[in-house]
Amino acid sequence: MKRASKIYTVLVMIFLFAPIAILILYSFNGQNSKTVLDGFSLHWYDELFHDSYTLEAVRNTLILAVSASLIS
């Protein structure tokens, strides 16, 4: 039973973390395509950090996190 438990745990972990790994892999894609990997690029991260809405959301998140930490 112990071996089956380990196999089950590994399958659950793969099920949970595979989408995150795929998302990270495709975030470095040089193309606009979601199916074809076209080399390594930081283009999407450049776009992300030049978006004012994203930067405002990060700022609000940090303010909320620091406030919650100080209050607790």
N, C-alpha and C. Protein backbone atom coordinates (compact mmCIF):
# COMPACT_ATOMS: atom_id res chain seq x y z
N MET A 1 0.82 -1.20 0.00
CA MET A 1 0.00 0.00 0.00
C MET A 1 0.86 1.26 0.00
N LYS A 2 2.02 1.17 0.61
CA LYS A 2 2.89 2.32 0.70
C LYS A 2 3.37 2.76 -0.69
N ARG A 3 3.68 1.79 -1.55
CA ARG A 3 4.14 2.10 -2.90
C ARG A 3 3.03 2.77 -3.71
N ALA A 4 1.80 2.27 -3.59
CA ALA A 4 0.66 2.87 -4.29
C ALA A 4 0.42 4.29 -3.82
N SER A 5 0.63 4.53 -2.56
CA SER A 5 0.46 5.87 -2.01
C SER A 5 1.49 6.84 -2.60
N LYS A 6 2.72 6.38 -2.75
CA LYS A 6 3.76 7.23 -3.34
C LYS A 6 3.47 7.53 -4.80
N ILE A 7 3.02 6.52 -5.52
CA ILE A 7 2.68 6.71 -6.94
C ILE A 7 1.53 7.71 -7.07
N TYR A 8 0.53 7.56 -6.23
CA TYR A 8 -0.61 8.47 -6.25
C TYR A 8 -0.16 9.90 -5.94
N THR A 9 0.72 10.05 -4.96
CA THR A 9 1.21 11.38 -4.60
C THR A 9 1.97 12.01 -5.76
N VAL A 10 2.80 11.24 -6.42
CA VAL A 10 3.56 11.76 -7.57
C VAL A 10 2.62 12.17 -8.69
N LEU A 11 1.61 11.38 -8.97
CA LEU A 11 0.65 11.74 -10.03
C LEU A 11 -0.12 13.00 -9.69
N VAL A 12 -0.50 13.16 -8.44
CA VAL A 12 -1.20 14.38 -8.03
C VAL A 12 -0.29 15.60 -8.18
N MET A 13 0.96 15.46 -7.78
CA MET A 13 1.91 16.57 -7.91
C MET A 13 2.14 16.94 -9.37
N ILE A 14 2.25 15.95 -10.23
CA ILE A 14 2.38 16.23 -11.67
C ILE A 14 1.15 16.95 -12.18
N PHE A 15 -0.02 16.49 -11.77
CA PHE A 15 -1.27 17.12 -12.20
C PHE A 15 -1.34 18.58 -11.74
N LEU A 16 -0.84 18.86 -10.55
CA LEU A 16 -0.92 20.22 -10.01
C LEU A 16 0.16 21.15 -10.59
N PHE A 17 1.37 20.64 -10.78
CA PHE A 17 2.47 21.51 -11.15
C PHE A 17 2.79 21.54 -12.64
N ALA A 18 2.29 20.62 -13.42
CA ALA A 18 2.54 20.63 -14.87
C ALA A 18 2.00 21.89 -15.55
N PRO A 19 0.80 22.36 -15.24
CA PRO A 19 0.35 23.60 -15.88
C PRO A 19 1.22 24.81 -15.54
N ILE A 20 1.74 24.85 -14.33
CA ILE A 20 2.62 25.95 -13.95
C ILE A 20 3.92 25.88 -14.74
N ALA A 21 4.48 24.69 -14.87
CA ALA A 21 5.72 24.52 -15.63
C ALA A 21 5.52 24.88 -17.10
N ILE A 22 4.40 24.49 -17.66
CA ILE A 22 4.12 24.82 -19.06
C ILE A 22 3.93 26.32 -19.23
N LEU A 23 3.26 26.96 -18.30
CA LEU A 23 3.08 28.40 -18.35
C LEU A 23 4.42 29.13 -18.31
N ILE A 24 5.31 28.69 -17.44
CA ILE A 24 6.64 29.30 -17.35
C ILE A 24 7.40 29.08 -18.65
N LEU A 25 7.34 27.88 -19.19
CA LEU A 25 8.03 27.58 -20.45
C LEU A 25 7.54 28.49 -21.58
N TYR A 26 6.24 28.61 -21.73
CA TYR A 26 5.68 29.41 -22.81
C TYR A 26 5.78 30.91 -22.57
N SER A 27 6.07 31.33 -21.35
CA SER A 27 6.22 32.76 -21.11
C SER A 27 7.50 33.30 -21.74
N PHE A 28 8.44 32.42 -22.07
CA PHE A 28 9.67 32.83 -22.72
C PHE A 28 9.62 32.63 -24.23
N ASN A 29 8.45 32.36 -24.78
CA ASN A 29 8.28 32.13 -26.22
C ASN A 29 8.48 33.44 -26.97
N GLY A 30 9.21 33.38 -28.06
CA GLY A 30 9.47 34.57 -28.86
C GLY A 30 8.33 34.95 -29.78
N GLN A 31 7.46 34.02 -30.09
CA GLN A 31 6.35 34.29 -31.01
C GLN A 31 5.07 34.62 -30.26
N ASN A 32 4.08 35.05 -31.02
CA ASN A 32 2.76 35.31 -30.48
C ASN A 32 1.94 34.03 -30.39
N SER A 33 2.46 32.96 -30.98
CA SER A 33 1.75 31.68 -31.02
C SER A 33 1.78 30.98 -29.68
N LYS A 34 0.68 30.29 -29.38
CA LYS A 34 0.62 29.53 -28.14
C LYS A 34 0.96 28.06 -28.35
N THR A 35 1.22 27.68 -29.59
CA THR A 35 1.49 26.27 -29.87
C THR A 35 2.90 26.01 -30.36
N VAL A 36 3.55 27.03 -30.92
CA VAL A 36 4.88 26.84 -31.50
C VAL A 36 5.89 27.63 -30.66
N LEU A 37 6.90 26.93 -30.15
CA LEU A 37 7.97 27.61 -29.44
C LEU A 37 8.98 28.12 -30.46
N ASP A 38 9.27 29.40 -30.43
CA ASP A 38 10.18 30.00 -31.40
C ASP A 38 11.36 30.66 -30.68
N GLY A 39 12.08 29.89 -29.93
CA GLY A 39 13.26 30.42 -29.28
C GLY A 39 12.97 31.11 -27.96
N PHE A 40 14.03 31.57 -27.34
CA PHE A 40 13.97 32.21 -26.03
C PHE A 40 13.87 33.71 -26.21
N SER A 41 12.92 34.33 -25.52
CA SER A 41 12.75 35.77 -25.61
C SER A 41 12.18 36.30 -24.31
N LEU A 42 12.57 37.51 -23.96
CA LEU A 42 12.01 38.19 -22.79
C LEU A 42 10.99 39.27 -23.21
N HIS A 43 10.53 39.18 -24.44
CA HIS A 43 9.61 40.17 -24.99
C HIS A 43 8.36 40.34 -24.14
N TRP A 44 7.77 39.26 -23.71
CA TRP A 44 6.51 39.34 -22.96
C TRP A 44 6.72 39.93 -21.58
N TYR A 45 7.91 39.71 -20.99
CA TYR A 45 8.19 40.33 -19.70
C TYR A 45 8.43 41.83 -19.87
N ASP A 46 9.01 42.22 -21.00
CA ASP A 46 9.17 43.64 -21.29
C ASP A 46 7.79 44.30 -21.42
N GLU A 47 6.89 43.63 -22.12
CA GLU A 47 5.53 44.14 -22.25
C GLU A 47 4.83 44.23 -20.89
N LEU A 48 5.05 43.24 -20.07
CA LEU A 48 4.42 43.20 -18.76
C LEU A 48 4.83 44.38 -17.89
N PHE A 49 6.12 44.68 -17.87
CA PHE A 49 6.61 45.75 -17.00
C PHE A 49 6.45 47.14 -17.58
N HIS A 50 5.93 47.24 -18.79
CA HIS A 50 5.60 48.54 -19.35
C HIS A 50 4.09 48.79 -19.36
N ASP A 51 3.33 47.89 -18.79
CA ASP A 51 1.88 48.03 -18.72
C ASP A 51 1.51 48.72 -17.41
N SER A 52 0.86 49.88 -17.50
CA SER A 52 0.57 50.66 -16.30
C SER A 52 -0.43 49.96 -15.38
N TYR A 53 -1.37 49.22 -15.94
CA TYR A 53 -2.34 48.50 -15.12
C TYR A 53 -1.68 47.40 -14.28
N THR A 54 -0.72 46.71 -14.89
CA THR A 54 -0.01 45.66 -14.18
C THR A 54 0.84 46.25 -13.06
N LEU A 55 1.54 47.32 -13.34
CA LEU A 55 2.37 47.96 -12.32
C LEU A 55 1.52 48.51 -11.17
N GLU A 56 0.35 49.04 -11.49
CA GLU A 56 -0.55 49.51 -10.44
C GLU A 56 -1.07 48.34 -9.59
N ALA A 57 -1.35 47.21 -10.22
CA ALA A 57 -1.80 46.04 -9.48
C ALA A 57 -0.71 45.51 -8.56
N VAL A 58 0.53 45.52 -9.04
CA VAL A 58 1.66 45.09 -8.20
C VAL A 58 1.82 46.02 -7.02
N ARG A 59 1.71 47.31 -7.26
CA ARG A 59 1.82 48.30 -6.18
C ARG A 59 0.73 48.09 -5.14
N ASN A 60 -0.50 47.89 -5.59
CA ASN A 60 -1.61 47.67 -4.65
C ASN A 60 -1.42 46.38 -3.86
N THR A 61 -0.92 45.35 -4.52
CA THR A 61 -0.67 44.08 -3.85
C THR A 61 0.39 44.24 -2.77
N LEU A 62 1.44 44.96 -3.07
CA LEU A 62 2.50 45.18 -2.08
C LEU A 62 2.01 46.00 -0.90
N ILE A 63 1.21 47.01 -1.17
CA ILE A 63 0.64 47.82 -0.09
C ILE A 63 -0.25 46.95 0.80
N LEU A 64 -1.07 46.16 0.20
CA LEU A 64 -1.96 45.27 0.96
C LEU A 64 -1.17 44.24 1.76
N ALA A 65 -0.12 43.66 1.19
CA ALA A 65 0.69 42.66 1.88
C ALA A 65 1.42 43.27 3.06
N VAL A 66 2.01 44.45 2.87
CA VAL A 66 2.72 45.10 3.98
C VAL A 66 1.74 45.51 5.08
N SER A 67 0.58 46.03 4.68
CA SER A 67 -0.43 46.42 5.68
C SER A 67 -0.91 45.22 6.49
N ALA A 68 -1.18 44.13 5.82
CA ALA A 68 -1.65 42.93 6.52
C ALA A 68 -0.57 42.39 7.45
N SER A 69 0.69 42.46 7.02
CA SER A 69 1.78 41.99 7.88
C SER A 69 1.94 42.87 9.11
N LEU A 70 1.83 44.17 8.93
CA LEU A 70 1.95 45.07 10.07
C LEU A 70 0.80 44.94 11.04
N ILE A 71 -0.40 44.76 10.52
CA ILE A 71 -1.58 44.63 11.38
C ILE A 71 -1.54 43.33 12.17
N SER A 72 -1.08 42.27 11.53
CA SER A 72 -1.06 40.98 12.23
C SER A 72 0.08 40.95 13.23
